[in-house]
Amino acid sequence: MAKKSSIEKNDRRRKLTARDLKKRTELKSVIMNRESSPEDRMQAVFKLAEMPRNGAKVRIRNRCEVTGRPRAYYRKMKMSRIALRELGNSGVIPGLVKSSW
């Protein structure tokens, strides 16, 4: 089980990202637009730099919904390989069968 603080920190990052998404995309579009004036682009760069870093989407870490484990994460199931195996063996996940040969 992951530390509670790590899980909460990641949740805060998700909320910040959702809140600032529109403003960040507008600023980035101004920065990437080659036809806008250099002054406007530089001003957009400064505004983007003033925004909280935890509002960036790349700061979000994919974590297991069950345990909070940050590694070996399956996106489709939203859980780690360990939790997936335990729930699969107990029959909680429909359609998942342990292979044998």
N, C-alpha and C. Protein backbone atom coordinates (compact mmCIF):
# COMPACT_ATOMS: atom_id res chain seq x y z
N MET A 1 0.85 -1.18 0.00
CA MET A 1 0.00 0.00 0.00
C MET A 1 0.89 1.24 0.00
N ALA A 2 0.56 2.19 -0.86
CA ALA A 2 1.34 3.41 -0.96
C ALA A 2 1.02 4.34 0.21
N LYS A 3 1.92 5.30 0.42
CA LYS A 3 1.69 6.26 1.49
C LYS A 3 0.46 7.10 1.15
N LYS A 4 -0.30 7.40 2.16
CA LYS A 4 -1.52 8.19 1.99
C LYS A 4 -1.19 9.58 1.43
N SER A 5 -0.08 10.15 1.87
CA SER A 5 0.29 11.49 1.41
C SER A 5 0.58 11.51 -0.09
N SER A 6 1.19 10.44 -0.61
CA SER A 6 1.49 10.36 -2.04
C SER A 6 0.22 10.29 -2.87
N ILE A 7 -0.74 9.54 -2.37
CA ILE A 7 -2.02 9.40 -3.07
C ILE A 7 -2.77 10.73 -3.06
N GLU A 8 -2.78 11.40 -1.91
CA GLU A 8 -3.46 12.68 -1.79
C GLU A 8 -2.79 13.75 -2.65
N LYS A 9 -1.46 13.74 -2.71
CA LYS A 9 -0.72 14.69 -3.52
C LYS A 9 -1.09 14.52 -4.99
N ASN A 10 -1.20 13.28 -5.42
CA ASN A 10 -1.56 13.00 -6.81
C ASN A 10 -3.00 13.46 -7.10
N ASP A 11 -3.89 13.28 -6.14
CA ASP A 11 -5.28 13.74 -6.31
C ASP A 11 -5.34 15.26 -6.41
N ARG A 12 -4.53 15.95 -5.61
CA ARG A 12 -4.47 17.42 -5.71
C ARG A 12 -3.99 17.85 -7.08
N ARG A 13 -3.01 17.14 -7.61
CA ARG A 13 -2.50 17.46 -8.94
C ARG A 13 -3.58 17.27 -10.00
N ARG A 14 -4.37 16.21 -9.86
CA ARG A 14 -5.47 15.99 -10.82
C ARG A 14 -6.48 17.13 -10.78
N LYS A 15 -6.82 17.60 -9.58
CA LYS A 15 -7.78 18.70 -9.44
C LYS A 15 -7.22 19.99 -10.03
N LEU A 16 -5.96 20.29 -9.75
CA LEU A 16 -5.32 21.49 -10.30
C LEU A 16 -5.26 21.44 -11.82
N THR A 17 -4.96 20.28 -12.36
CA THR A 17 -4.88 20.12 -13.80
C THR A 17 -6.24 20.36 -14.45
N ALA A 18 -7.27 19.80 -13.84
CA ALA A 18 -8.62 19.99 -14.40
C ALA A 18 -9.04 21.46 -14.31
N ARG A 19 -8.65 22.12 -13.23
CA ARG A 19 -9.04 23.53 -13.04
C ARG A 19 -8.33 24.45 -14.05
N ASP A 20 -7.05 24.20 -14.28
CA ASP A 20 -6.24 25.11 -15.11
C ASP A 20 -6.10 24.68 -16.55
N LEU A 21 -6.78 23.63 -16.96
CA LEU A 21 -6.60 23.08 -18.30
C LEU A 21 -6.88 24.10 -19.40
N LYS A 22 -7.98 24.80 -19.30
CA LYS A 22 -8.38 25.75 -20.35
C LYS A 22 -7.37 26.89 -20.47
N LYS A 23 -6.96 27.46 -19.35
CA LYS A 23 -6.03 28.57 -19.37
C LYS A 23 -4.66 28.15 -19.92
N ARG A 24 -4.21 26.96 -19.52
CA ARG A 24 -2.93 26.46 -20.01
C ARG A 24 -2.95 26.24 -21.53
N THR A 25 -4.03 25.66 -22.04
CA THR A 25 -4.11 25.42 -23.48
C THR A 25 -4.15 26.73 -24.26
N GLU A 26 -4.84 27.74 -23.74
CA GLU A 26 -4.87 29.04 -24.41
C GLU A 26 -3.48 29.66 -24.46
N LEU A 27 -2.77 29.62 -23.33
CA LEU A 27 -1.42 30.19 -23.29
C LEU A 27 -0.47 29.43 -24.21
N LYS A 28 -0.57 28.13 -24.22
CA LYS A 28 0.29 27.34 -25.08
C LYS A 28 0.01 27.58 -26.55
N SER A 29 -1.26 27.79 -26.90
CA SER A 29 -1.58 28.07 -28.30
C SER A 29 -1.00 29.42 -28.72
N VAL A 30 -0.99 30.41 -27.83
CA VAL A 30 -0.38 31.70 -28.13
C VAL A 30 1.12 31.54 -28.30
N ILE A 31 1.73 30.75 -27.43
CA ILE A 31 3.18 30.54 -27.50
C ILE A 31 3.57 29.82 -28.79
N MET A 32 2.82 28.83 -29.19
CA MET A 32 3.16 28.03 -30.37
C MET A 32 2.80 28.72 -31.68
N ASN A 33 1.96 29.75 -31.64
CA ASN A 33 1.55 30.46 -32.84
C ASN A 33 2.69 31.35 -33.32
N ARG A 34 3.26 31.02 -34.46
CA ARG A 34 4.40 31.77 -35.00
C ARG A 34 3.99 33.13 -35.55
N GLU A 35 2.71 33.29 -35.84
CA GLU A 35 2.24 34.54 -36.44
C GLU A 35 1.97 35.64 -35.41
N SER A 36 1.86 35.29 -34.14
CA SER A 36 1.64 36.31 -33.12
C SER A 36 2.93 37.06 -32.84
N SER A 37 2.81 38.24 -32.29
CA SER A 37 4.00 39.08 -32.07
C SER A 37 4.89 38.48 -30.98
N PRO A 38 6.19 38.75 -31.07
CA PRO A 38 7.12 38.21 -30.05
C PRO A 38 6.80 38.71 -28.64
N GLU A 39 6.28 39.93 -28.52
CA GLU A 39 5.93 40.45 -27.20
C GLU A 39 4.79 39.66 -26.58
N ASP A 40 3.77 39.36 -27.41
CA ASP A 40 2.63 38.58 -26.91
C ASP A 40 3.07 37.17 -26.51
N ARG A 41 3.92 36.59 -27.32
CA ARG A 41 4.40 35.25 -27.02
C ARG A 41 5.21 35.23 -25.73
N MET A 42 6.07 36.22 -25.55
CA MET A 42 6.89 36.28 -24.34
C MET A 42 6.02 36.52 -23.10
N GLN A 43 5.00 37.35 -23.25
CA GLN A 43 4.09 37.61 -22.14
C GLN A 43 3.34 36.32 -21.77
N ALA A 44 2.96 35.54 -22.77
CA ALA A 44 2.27 34.26 -22.51
C ALA A 44 3.21 33.28 -21.81
N VAL A 45 4.49 33.31 -22.18
CA VAL A 45 5.47 32.44 -21.52
C VAL A 45 5.58 32.79 -20.04
N PHE A 46 5.63 34.09 -19.73
CA PHE A 46 5.73 34.52 -18.34
C PHE A 46 4.47 34.15 -17.55
N LYS A 47 3.30 34.29 -18.16
CA LYS A 47 2.06 33.92 -17.47
C LYS A 47 2.01 32.41 -17.20
N LEU A 48 2.48 31.64 -18.17
CA LEU A 48 2.50 30.19 -17.99
C LEU A 48 3.48 29.79 -16.89
N ALA A 49 4.59 30.50 -16.82
CA ALA A 49 5.59 30.21 -15.79
C ALA A 49 5.09 30.56 -14.39
N GLU A 50 4.19 31.53 -14.30
CA GLU A 50 3.64 31.94 -12.99
C GLU A 50 2.63 30.94 -12.45
N MET A 51 2.05 30.15 -13.33
CA MET A 51 1.04 29.18 -12.90
C MET A 51 1.70 28.07 -12.07
N PRO A 52 0.94 27.42 -11.18
CA PRO A 52 1.52 26.36 -10.35
C PRO A 52 1.98 25.18 -11.20
N ARG A 53 3.14 24.65 -10.86
CA ARG A 53 3.70 23.54 -11.62
C ARG A 53 2.87 22.27 -11.48
N ASN A 54 2.24 22.10 -10.35
CA ASN A 54 1.44 20.89 -10.15
C ASN A 54 0.17 20.90 -10.99
N GLY A 55 -0.09 22.00 -11.69
CA GLY A 55 -1.23 22.05 -12.59
C GLY A 55 -0.93 21.49 -13.96
N ALA A 56 0.32 21.11 -14.20
CA ALA A 56 0.70 20.53 -15.49
C ALA A 56 0.31 19.06 -15.53
N LYS A 57 -0.15 18.62 -16.69
CA LYS A 57 -0.63 17.26 -16.83
C LYS A 57 0.48 16.22 -16.66
N VAL A 58 1.70 16.58 -17.03
CA VAL A 58 2.81 15.63 -16.94
C VAL A 58 3.20 15.33 -15.49
N ARG A 59 2.75 16.12 -14.55
CA ARG A 59 3.08 15.87 -13.14
C ARG A 59 2.20 14.80 -12.50
N ILE A 60 1.13 14.42 -13.18
CA ILE A 60 0.23 13.40 -12.64
C ILE A 60 0.87 12.02 -12.83
N ARG A 61 0.85 11.22 -11.79
CA ARG A 61 1.41 9.88 -11.82
C ARG A 61 0.25 8.88 -11.84
N ASN A 62 0.29 7.94 -12.77
CA ASN A 62 -0.72 6.89 -12.80
C ASN A 62 -0.53 5.98 -11.60
N ARG A 63 -1.58 5.82 -10.81
CA ARG A 63 -1.51 4.99 -9.61
C ARG A 63 -2.66 3.99 -9.60
N CYS A 64 -2.41 2.86 -8.97
CA CYS A 64 -3.41 1.80 -8.83
C CYS A 64 -4.59 2.32 -8.01
N GLU A 65 -5.80 2.05 -8.47
CA GLU A 65 -7.00 2.47 -7.76
C GLU A 65 -7.18 1.70 -6.45
N VAL A 66 -6.67 0.49 -6.40
CA VAL A 66 -6.85 -0.37 -5.23
C VAL A 66 -5.80 -0.09 -4.16
N THR A 67 -4.52 -0.11 -4.57
CA THR A 67 -3.43 -0.02 -3.60
C THR A 67 -2.69 1.31 -3.62
N GLY A 68 -2.75 2.04 -4.72
CA GLY A 68 -2.00 3.29 -4.84
C GLY A 68 -0.59 3.08 -5.37
N ARG A 69 -0.26 1.87 -5.77
CA ARG A 69 1.08 1.56 -6.27
C ARG A 69 1.34 2.32 -7.57
N PRO A 70 2.51 2.99 -7.68
CA PRO A 70 2.76 3.80 -8.87
C PRO A 70 3.39 3.05 -10.04
N ARG A 71 3.89 1.86 -9.83
CA ARG A 71 4.56 1.13 -10.91
C ARG A 71 3.77 -0.09 -11.34
N ALA A 72 4.10 -0.59 -12.53
CA ALA A 72 3.42 -1.75 -13.11
C ALA A 72 1.92 -1.50 -13.19
N TYR A 73 1.56 -0.38 -13.80
CA TYR A 73 0.18 0.10 -13.87
C TYR A 73 -0.42 -0.28 -15.22
N TYR A 74 -1.58 -0.93 -15.20
CA TYR A 74 -2.31 -1.24 -16.43
C TYR A 74 -3.38 -0.18 -16.63
N ARG A 75 -3.28 0.57 -17.71
CA ARG A 75 -4.21 1.68 -17.95
C ARG A 75 -5.64 1.20 -18.15
N LYS A 76 -5.79 0.10 -18.85
CA LYS A 76 -7.13 -0.39 -19.15
C LYS A 76 -7.90 -0.77 -17.88
N MET A 77 -7.20 -1.35 -16.93
CA MET A 77 -7.83 -1.79 -15.68
C MET A 77 -7.71 -0.76 -14.56
N LYS A 78 -6.81 0.21 -14.72
CA LYS A 78 -6.53 1.24 -13.72
C LYS A 78 -6.05 0.63 -12.40
N MET A 79 -5.23 -0.41 -12.52
CA MET A 79 -4.66 -1.01 -11.32
C MET A 79 -3.31 -1.64 -11.64
N SER A 80 -2.59 -1.96 -10.58
CA SER A 80 -1.26 -2.54 -10.74
C SER A 80 -1.37 -4.03 -11.05
N ARG A 81 -0.25 -4.59 -11.47
CA ARG A 81 -0.23 -6.01 -11.82
C ARG A 81 -0.52 -6.89 -10.62
N ILE A 82 -0.10 -6.46 -9.44
CA ILE A 82 -0.30 -7.27 -8.23
C ILE A 82 -1.77 -7.31 -7.84
N ALA A 83 -2.40 -6.13 -7.85
CA ALA A 83 -3.82 -6.07 -7.52
C ALA A 83 -4.66 -6.79 -8.57
N LEU A 84 -4.25 -6.67 -9.83
CA LEU A 84 -4.97 -7.34 -10.91
C LEU A 84 -4.92 -8.86 -10.73
N ARG A 85 -3.76 -9.37 -10.37
CA ARG A 85 -3.62 -10.81 -10.18
C ARG A 85 -4.44 -11.30 -8.99
N GLU A 86 -4.40 -10.55 -7.88
CA GLU A 86 -5.14 -10.96 -6.70
C GLU A 86 -6.65 -10.96 -6.96
N LEU A 87 -7.15 -9.89 -7.59
CA LEU A 87 -8.58 -9.81 -7.86
C LEU A 87 -9.00 -10.81 -8.94
N GLY A 88 -8.10 -11.07 -9.89
CA GLY A 88 -8.40 -12.06 -10.93
C GLY A 88 -8.47 -13.46 -10.37
N ASN A 89 -7.56 -13.80 -9.48
CA ASN A 89 -7.56 -15.14 -8.87
C ASN A 89 -8.78 -15.35 -7.98
N SER A 90 -9.25 -14.28 -7.36
CA SER A 90 -10.43 -14.43 -6.50
C SER A 90 -11.73 -14.37 -7.29
N GLY A 91 -11.65 -14.08 -8.59
CA GLY A 91 -12.84 -14.10 -9.45
C GLY A 91 -13.64 -12.81 -9.43
N VAL A 92 -13.06 -11.73 -9.00
CA VAL A 92 -13.77 -10.45 -8.93
C VAL A 92 -13.86 -9.77 -10.30
N ILE A 93 -12.83 -9.94 -11.13
CA ILE A 93 -12.80 -9.31 -12.45
C ILE A 93 -13.41 -10.27 -13.47
N PRO A 94 -14.53 -9.88 -14.09
CA PRO A 94 -15.18 -10.79 -15.04
C PRO A 94 -14.35 -10.94 -16.32
N GLY A 95 -14.28 -12.17 -16.82
CA GLY A 95 -13.58 -12.45 -18.07
C GLY A 95 -12.10 -12.69 -17.92
N LEU A 96 -11.57 -12.49 -16.75
CA LEU A 96 -10.14 -12.70 -16.52
C LEU A 96 -9.92 -14.11 -15.98
N VAL A 97 -9.14 -14.90 -16.71
CA VAL A 97 -8.88 -16.28 -16.32
C VAL A 97 -7.39 -16.49 -16.23
N LYS A 98 -6.95 -17.15 -15.19
CA LYS A 98 -5.53 -17.47 -15.06
C LYS A 98 -5.18 -18.54 -16.09
N SER A 99 -4.13 -18.25 -16.84
CA SER A 99 -3.76 -19.19 -17.89
C SER A 99 -3.01 -20.39 -17.32
N SER A 100 -3.19 -21.52 -17.97
CA SER A 100 -2.43 -22.72 -17.60
C SER A 100 -2.22 -23.52 -18.86
N TRP A 101 -1.08 -24.17 -18.94
CA TRP A 101 -0.78 -24.97 -20.13
C TRP A 101 0.00 -26.18 -19.79
